[in-house]
């Protein structure tokens, strides 16, 4: 660079110039809003671990979806909070289970106006809190996959637009793809959590779904954050098994992984900006240590800059309001 003939700040002095040369963009259509659905009626219970987020009965989910659509948010990710639990999560395979019931109600009222991603896992439905069937003090991969297939088919029959397996079992994408295709749901995409780390950032989420382990942890199926290349095999396997996009969770501490996926694979990347990040921002904002909106926008732009196609975020409503108000970021 030949200073003073070259002055990099020339592209920064004027806001319109800054906007002109900006090459990373965040749109409301990039946002996916997680919703926690509980049984009952007229329930809107704030989640202590996630201030500003709620456990909602289906009637209040419909009210929320109407608000989201008006804001321009048209994609949601559903998590169930079930009063009924069993040893292997089979309770979630019933068409009367909380999420299939909610999907049918949402689709009846909003049809194609909102895109429903259904999280597919057993942890909210097992008495022990693990992601599948326990054998010899560990989650049995193949038995769990069978339950996931049945649950996935139920979700598709109920009207889910996208199936999102979050369990990290080997072979589940191929098995779910097969059962969906055999039953006439070949058009339903599968967005697996292909890269999901055993992370401490999930703590507030566990409180949201009342999911605590009786014993053990999830390190035998979720990935180790000490490994920098394992994700390649996970992505390759899911692509070979017929996935249509991949989900990376968590996002913020794994921007390097998102970037490498973008460089090496031609597939949409959905990044999950998880509960621990949201709760830390809320805590710091409560003490006026930060500007919450500025910080969340910086984080979401960093995720997009790394290569994410879309972002699952608890801050979607606040971000959409800012973007609708034409606030400059």
Protein backbone atom coordinates (compact mmCIF):
# COMPACT_ATOMS: atom_id res chain seq x y z
CA UNK A 1 0.00 0.00 0.00
CA UNK A 2 1.30 3.45 -1.00
CA UNK A 3 0.26 5.87 1.75
CA UNK A 4 -0.79 8.72 1.48
CA UNK A 5 -2.02 8.11 -2.08
CA UNK A 6 -3.90 5.07 -0.77
CA UNK A 7 -6.09 5.83 2.22
CA UNK A 8 -8.30 2.94 3.31
CA UNK A 9 -10.40 5.24 5.45
CA UNK A 10 -11.84 6.87 2.30
CA UNK A 11 -14.32 4.00 2.16
CA UNK A 12 -15.36 4.60 5.77
CA UNK A 13 -15.92 8.36 6.15
CA UNK A 14 -19.41 8.36 4.61
CA UNK A 15 -22.24 6.11 5.74
CA UNK A 16 -23.57 5.70 2.21
CA UNK A 17 -20.13 4.61 1.01
CA UNK A 18 -19.86 2.15 3.86
CA UNK A 19 -23.22 0.68 2.82
CA UNK A 20 -22.14 0.60 -0.82
CA UNK A 21 -19.05 -1.53 -0.20
CA UNK A 22 -20.57 -3.76 2.47
CA UNK A 23 -20.45 -7.36 1.28
CA UNK A 24 -22.10 -9.22 4.17
CA UNK A 25 -25.87 -8.88 4.51
CA UNK A 26 -28.42 -9.96 7.10
CA UNK A 27 -32.06 -10.24 6.04
CA UNK A 28 -35.16 -11.11 8.02
CA UNK A 29 -35.53 -14.13 5.73
CA UNK A 30 -32.24 -15.43 7.19
CA UNK A 31 -33.76 -15.77 10.67
CA UNK A 32 -35.23 -18.94 12.19
CA UNK A 33 -37.01 -18.54 15.53
CA UNK A 34 -37.01 -21.40 18.10
CA UNK A 35 -40.29 -22.04 19.91
CA UNK A 36 -40.81 -24.16 23.04
CA UNK A 37 -44.24 -25.79 23.07
CA UNK A 38 -45.84 -27.27 26.17
CA UNK A 39 -49.09 -29.08 26.82
CA UNK A 40 -52.16 -27.34 28.17
CA UNK A 41 -54.04 -24.15 27.29
CA UNK A 42 -53.48 -20.42 27.81
CA UNK A 43 -49.90 -20.96 28.99
CA UNK A 44 -47.20 -18.35 28.50
CA UNK A 45 -44.51 -19.04 31.06
CA UNK A 46 -41.25 -17.10 30.90
CA UNK A 47 -38.19 -19.32 30.92
CA UNK A 48 -35.94 -18.31 33.81
CA UNK A 49 -32.78 -19.38 32.01
CA UNK A 50 -33.82 -17.51 28.83
CA UNK A 51 -35.29 -14.11 29.75
CA UNK A 52 -37.76 -12.95 27.14
CA UNK A 53 -38.41 -16.50 25.88
CA UNK A 54 -41.46 -18.54 26.85
CA UNK A 55 -42.92 -21.98 27.16
CA UNK A 56 -46.14 -21.68 25.18
CA UNK A 57 -49.26 -23.79 24.86
CA UNK A 58 -50.41 -24.32 21.29
CA UNK A 59 -53.07 -21.59 21.41
CA UNK A 60 -50.39 -19.03 22.30
CA UNK A 61 -48.04 -20.44 19.67
CA UNK A 62 -50.65 -19.48 17.09
CA UNK A 63 -50.68 -15.93 18.46
CA UNK A 64 -46.88 -15.83 18.30
CA UNK A 65 -46.81 -17.14 14.72
CA UNK A 66 -49.15 -14.35 13.66
CA UNK A 67 -46.74 -11.82 15.20
CA UNK A 68 -43.75 -13.44 13.50
CA UNK A 69 -45.37 -13.36 10.08
CA UNK A 70 -46.23 -9.67 10.47
CA UNK A 71 -42.55 -9.01 11.28
CA UNK A 72 -41.44 -10.95 8.22
CA UNK A 73 -40.10 -13.99 10.10
CA UNK A 74 -41.41 -17.01 8.24
CA UNK A 75 -39.28 -19.86 9.60
CA UNK A 76 -39.64 -21.50 13.01
CA UNK A 77 -37.96 -24.40 14.81
CA UNK A 78 -40.18 -26.36 17.20
CA UNK A 79 -39.14 -28.03 20.46
CA UNK A 80 -41.56 -30.05 22.56
CA UNK A 81 -41.93 -30.09 26.33
CA UNK A 82 -43.81 -33.24 27.17
CA UNK A 83 -45.49 -34.15 30.44
CA UNK A 84 -45.29 -37.79 29.38
CA UNK A 85 -41.97 -39.61 29.14
CA UNK A 86 -40.76 -43.18 28.64
CA UNK A 87 -37.51 -45.11 28.36
CA UNK A 88 -36.88 -44.65 24.64
CA UNK A 89 -38.85 -41.61 23.49
CA UNK A 90 -41.52 -43.66 21.72
CA UNK A 91 -44.14 -41.35 23.19
CA UNK A 92 -43.05 -38.74 20.60
CA UNK A 93 -43.99 -41.14 17.76
CA UNK A 94 -47.68 -40.69 18.48
CA UNK A 95 -49.68 -38.31 16.30
CA UNK A 96 -51.18 -36.98 19.54
CA UNK A 97 -47.76 -35.99 20.91
CA UNK A 98 -47.22 -32.30 21.56
CA UNK A 99 -45.25 -31.34 18.42
CA UNK A 100 -47.34 -33.27 15.85
CA UNK A 101 -50.43 -31.76 17.47
CA UNK A 102 -48.93 -28.26 17.30
CA UNK A 103 -47.81 -28.66 13.68
CA UNK A 104 -51.32 -29.59 12.57
CA UNK A 105 -52.78 -26.55 14.34
CA UNK A 106 -50.17 -24.18 12.88
CA UNK A 107 -50.61 -25.53 9.36
CA UNK A 108 -54.39 -25.37 9.61
CA UNK A 109 -54.26 -21.66 10.43
CA UNK A 110 -51.24 -20.46 8.44
CA UNK A 111 -50.76 -23.07 5.70
CA UNK A 112 -47.65 -22.12 3.69
CA UNK A 113 -47.25 -18.69 5.30
CA UNK A 114 -44.79 -20.13 7.79
CA UNK A 115 -42.04 -22.75 7.39
CA UNK A 116 -41.95 -25.37 10.14
CA UNK A 117 -38.68 -27.06 11.04
CA UNK A 118 -39.28 -29.84 13.53
CA UNK A 119 -36.41 -30.73 15.84
CA UNK A 120 -36.11 -34.51 15.90
CA UNK A 121 -34.65 -35.99 19.08
CA UNK A 122 -35.76 -38.11 22.01
CA UNK A 123 -34.23 -36.21 24.93
CA UNK A 124 -37.42 -34.28 25.79
CA UNK A 125 -39.38 -37.51 25.85
CA UNK A 126 -37.13 -39.92 27.77
CA UNK A 127 -37.40 -40.41 31.51
CA UNK A 128 -33.59 -40.42 31.83
CA UNK A 129 -33.03 -37.30 29.68
CA UNK A 130 -30.69 -38.90 27.16
CA UNK A 131 -31.15 -38.67 23.40
CA UNK A 132 -32.20 -42.27 22.88
CA UNK A 133 -32.46 -45.79 24.18
CA UNK A 134 -30.00 -46.67 26.95
CA UNK A 135 -28.15 -49.99 26.77
CA UNK A 136 -25.15 -50.79 28.96
CA UNK A 137 -25.07 -47.24 30.37
CA UNK A 138 -24.82 -45.64 26.92
CA UNK A 139 -27.16 -44.48 24.16
CA UNK A 140 -27.65 -47.41 21.77
CA UNK A 141 -27.14 -45.99 18.28
CA UNK A 142 -29.22 -48.37 16.16
CA UNK A 143 -32.17 -48.74 18.53
CA UNK A 144 -32.32 -44.96 18.82
CA UNK A 145 -32.31 -44.57 15.03
CA UNK A 146 -35.39 -46.80 14.79
CA UNK A 147 -37.29 -44.55 17.17
CA UNK A 148 -36.09 -41.45 15.32
CA UNK A 149 -37.39 -42.87 12.05
CA UNK A 150 -40.83 -43.45 13.53
CA UNK A 151 -40.88 -40.00 15.09
CA UNK A 152 -39.68 -38.39 11.86
CA UNK A 153 -42.44 -40.07 9.87
CA UNK A 154 -45.02 -38.85 12.38
CA UNK A 155 -43.71 -35.30 12.06
CA UNK A 156 -43.90 -35.48 8.27
CA UNK A 157 -47.45 -36.86 8.36
CA UNK A 158 -48.42 -33.98 10.67
CA UNK A 159 -47.24 -31.40 8.15
CA UNK A 160 -43.66 -30.51 9.09
CA UNK A 161 -41.85 -28.80 6.21
CA UNK A 162 -38.35 -29.82 7.34
CA UNK A 163 -37.10 -32.62 9.60
CA UNK A 164 -34.08 -31.61 11.71
CA UNK A 165 -32.47 -34.57 13.54
CA UNK A 166 -30.39 -33.22 16.42
CA UNK A 167 -29.36 -36.50 18.07
CA UNK A 168 -25.97 -37.12 16.38
CA UNK A 169 -26.59 -40.85 15.89
CA UNK A 170 -24.62 -42.50 13.09
CA UNK A 171 -26.68 -43.41 10.04
CA UNK A 172 -29.84 -41.62 11.06
CA UNK A 173 -30.02 -39.37 7.99
CA UNK A 174 -30.06 -42.34 5.59
CA UNK A 175 -32.58 -44.24 7.71
CA UNK A 176 -34.94 -41.25 8.02
CA UNK A 177 -34.60 -40.51 4.30
CA UNK A 178 -35.54 -44.09 3.50
CA UNK A 179 -38.66 -44.19 5.65
CA UNK A 180 -39.82 -40.78 4.42
CA UNK A 181 -39.39 -41.80 0.78
CA UNK A 182 -41.16 -45.13 1.26
CA UNK A 183 -44.16 -43.29 2.68
CA UNK A 184 -44.46 -40.66 -0.05
CA UNK A 185 -42.54 -37.85 1.65
CA UNK A 186 -39.63 -37.70 -0.78
CA UNK A 187 -40.12 -33.92 -1.07
CA UNK A 188 -39.55 -33.29 2.65
CA UNK A 189 -35.97 -32.03 3.26
CA UNK A 190 -33.76 -33.29 6.06
CA UNK A 191 -31.57 -30.72 7.82
CA UNK A 192 -29.51 -32.77 10.30
CA UNK A 193 -27.43 -31.26 13.04
CA UNK A 194 -24.39 -32.60 11.22
CA UNK A 195 -21.94 -30.73 13.44
CA UNK A 196 -23.07 -30.61 17.06
CA UNK A 197 -20.54 -30.25 19.82
CA UNK A 198 -20.77 -31.38 23.43
CA UNK A 199 -20.97 -27.81 24.65
CA UNK A 200 -21.51 -25.95 27.90
CA UNK A 201 -23.33 -23.28 25.89
CA UNK A 202 -26.49 -25.44 25.98
CA UNK A 203 -27.13 -24.94 29.69
CA UNK A 204 -30.05 -22.47 29.45
CA UNK A 205 -31.72 -24.65 26.80
CA UNK A 206 -31.77 -27.58 29.23
CA UNK A 207 -33.70 -25.40 31.65
CA UNK A 208 -36.11 -24.40 28.91
CA UNK A 209 -37.14 -27.98 28.11
CA UNK A 210 -36.78 -29.34 31.66
CA UNK A 211 -34.18 -31.77 30.43
CA UNK A 212 -31.58 -32.92 32.91
CA UNK A 213 -29.66 -36.18 32.79
CA UNK A 214 -30.11 -38.78 35.50
CA UNK A 215 -26.44 -39.62 35.01
CA UNK A 216 -23.65 -39.43 32.46
CA UNK A 217 -23.23 -36.91 29.66
CA UNK A 218 -23.57 -36.66 25.88
CA UNK A 219 -19.90 -36.93 24.97
CA UNK A 220 -20.25 -40.39 23.39
CA UNK A 221 -22.39 -38.98 20.56
CA UNK A 222 -21.86 -35.21 20.45
CA UNK A 223 -18.52 -34.00 19.10
CA UNK A 224 -15.47 -32.89 21.07
CA UNK A 225 -14.58 -29.22 20.79
CA UNK A 226 -10.92 -30.27 20.96
CA UNK A 227 -11.15 -31.80 17.48
CA UNK A 228 -10.69 -29.54 14.45
CA UNK A 229 -11.22 -31.97 11.52
CA UNK A 230 -13.82 -34.51 12.67
CA UNK A 231 -16.58 -32.34 11.19
CA UNK A 232 -15.45 -33.21 7.66
CA UNK A 233 -16.44 -36.85 8.02
CA UNK A 234 -19.72 -35.93 9.69
CA UNK A 235 -20.64 -33.57 6.82
CA UNK A 236 -19.56 -36.04 4.14
CA UNK A 237 -21.57 -38.82 5.74
CA UNK A 238 -24.76 -36.78 5.96
CA UNK A 239 -24.41 -35.53 2.37
CA UNK A 240 -23.88 -39.10 1.16
CA UNK A 241 -26.95 -40.18 3.13
CA UNK A 242 -29.16 -37.59 1.43
CA UNK A 243 -29.32 -34.50 3.64
CA UNK A 244 -30.41 -31.22 2.06
CA UNK A 245 -28.65 -28.75 4.37
CA UNK A 246 -26.52 -29.00 7.51
CA UNK A 247 -26.92 -27.43 10.93
CA UNK A 248 -23.93 -26.33 12.99
CA UNK A 249 -24.41 -26.00 16.75
CA UNK A 250 -23.15 -23.92 18.52
CA UNK A 251 -22.27 -21.19 16.03
CA UNK A 252 -20.32 -18.43 17.75
CA UNK A 253 -17.41 -20.48 19.12
CA UNK A 254 -17.24 -22.50 15.91
CA UNK A 255 -17.03 -19.83 13.20
CA UNK A 256 -13.87 -21.54 11.94
CA UNK A 257 -15.87 -24.72 11.35
CA UNK A 258 -18.63 -22.83 9.50
CA UNK A 259 -16.00 -21.16 7.32
CA UNK A 260 -14.32 -24.47 6.48
CA UNK A 261 -17.67 -26.07 5.61
CA UNK A 262 -18.40 -23.15 3.28
CA UNK A 263 -15.03 -23.60 1.58
CA UNK A 264 -15.27 -27.37 1.18
CA UNK A 265 -18.93 -28.22 0.60
CA UNK A 266 -21.64 -26.93 -1.70
CA UNK A 267 -24.57 -27.15 0.70
CA UNK A 268 -26.67 -24.65 2.72
CA UNK A 269 -25.37 -24.06 6.25
CA UNK A 270 -27.78 -23.33 9.10
CA UNK A 271 -25.98 -21.92 12.15
CA UNK A 272 -27.52 -22.17 15.61
CA UNK A 273 -26.73 -19.17 17.83
CA UNK A 274 -27.45 -21.02 21.03
CA UNK A 275 -29.07 -20.33 24.39
CA UNK A 276 -25.83 -19.77 26.31
CA UNK A 277 -24.86 -16.87 24.06
CA UNK A 278 -28.33 -15.37 24.31
CA UNK A 279 -28.37 -15.62 28.11
CA UNK A 280 -24.92 -14.08 28.48
CA UNK A 281 -25.98 -11.13 26.35
CA UNK A 282 -29.15 -10.70 28.41
CA UNK A 283 -27.19 -10.84 31.65
CA UNK A 284 -24.63 -8.27 30.51
CA UNK A 285 -27.37 -6.05 29.09
CA UNK A 286 -29.29 -6.12 32.36
CA UNK A 287 -26.24 -4.63 34.10
CA UNK A 288 -25.81 -2.07 31.28
CA UNK A 289 -22.40 -3.49 30.43
CA UNK A 290 -23.26 -3.72 26.74
CA UNK A 291 -25.79 -2.60 24.17
CA UNK A 292 -27.73 -5.82 23.60
CA UNK A 293 -28.90 -5.02 20.08
CA UNK A 294 -25.51 -3.85 18.85
CA UNK A 295 -23.83 -6.95 20.24
CA UNK A 296 -26.33 -9.43 18.83
CA UNK A 297 -26.12 -7.75 15.42
CA UNK A 298 -22.33 -8.01 15.52
CA UNK A 299 -22.56 -11.69 16.42
CA UNK A 300 -25.11 -12.49 13.69
CA UNK A 301 -23.06 -10.65 11.08
CA UNK A 302 -19.98 -12.60 12.16
CA UNK A 303 -21.91 -15.84 11.66
CA UNK A 304 -23.03 -14.72 8.20
CA UNK A 305 -19.49 -13.57 7.38
CA UNK A 306 -18.19 -17.02 8.26
CA UNK A 307 -20.50 -18.50 5.61
CA UNK A 308 -23.86 -19.33 7.20
CA UNK A 309 -26.88 -19.34 4.93
CA UNK A 310 -29.39 -18.84 7.75
CA UNK A 311 -29.31 -18.49 11.54
CA UNK A 312 -31.41 -20.02 14.29
CA UNK A 313 -31.57 -17.32 16.96
CA UNK A 314 -33.63 -16.45 20.04
CA UNK A 315 -33.08 -12.80 19.12
CA UNK A 316 -34.96 -13.07 15.82
CA UNK A 317 -37.88 -10.88 16.93
CA UNK A 318 -35.67 -8.03 18.18
CA UNK A 319 -33.48 -8.22 15.08
CA UNK A 320 -36.47 -8.23 12.74
CA UNK A 321 -37.89 -5.14 14.43
CA UNK A 322 -34.58 -3.34 13.93
CA UNK A 323 -34.34 -4.36 10.30
CA UNK A 324 -37.95 -3.33 9.67
CA UNK A 325 -37.19 0.08 11.17
CA UNK A 326 -34.38 0.47 8.63
CA UNK A 327 -31.80 0.83 11.35
CA UNK A 328 -28.34 0.85 9.84
CA UNK A 329 -25.97 -2.00 10.69
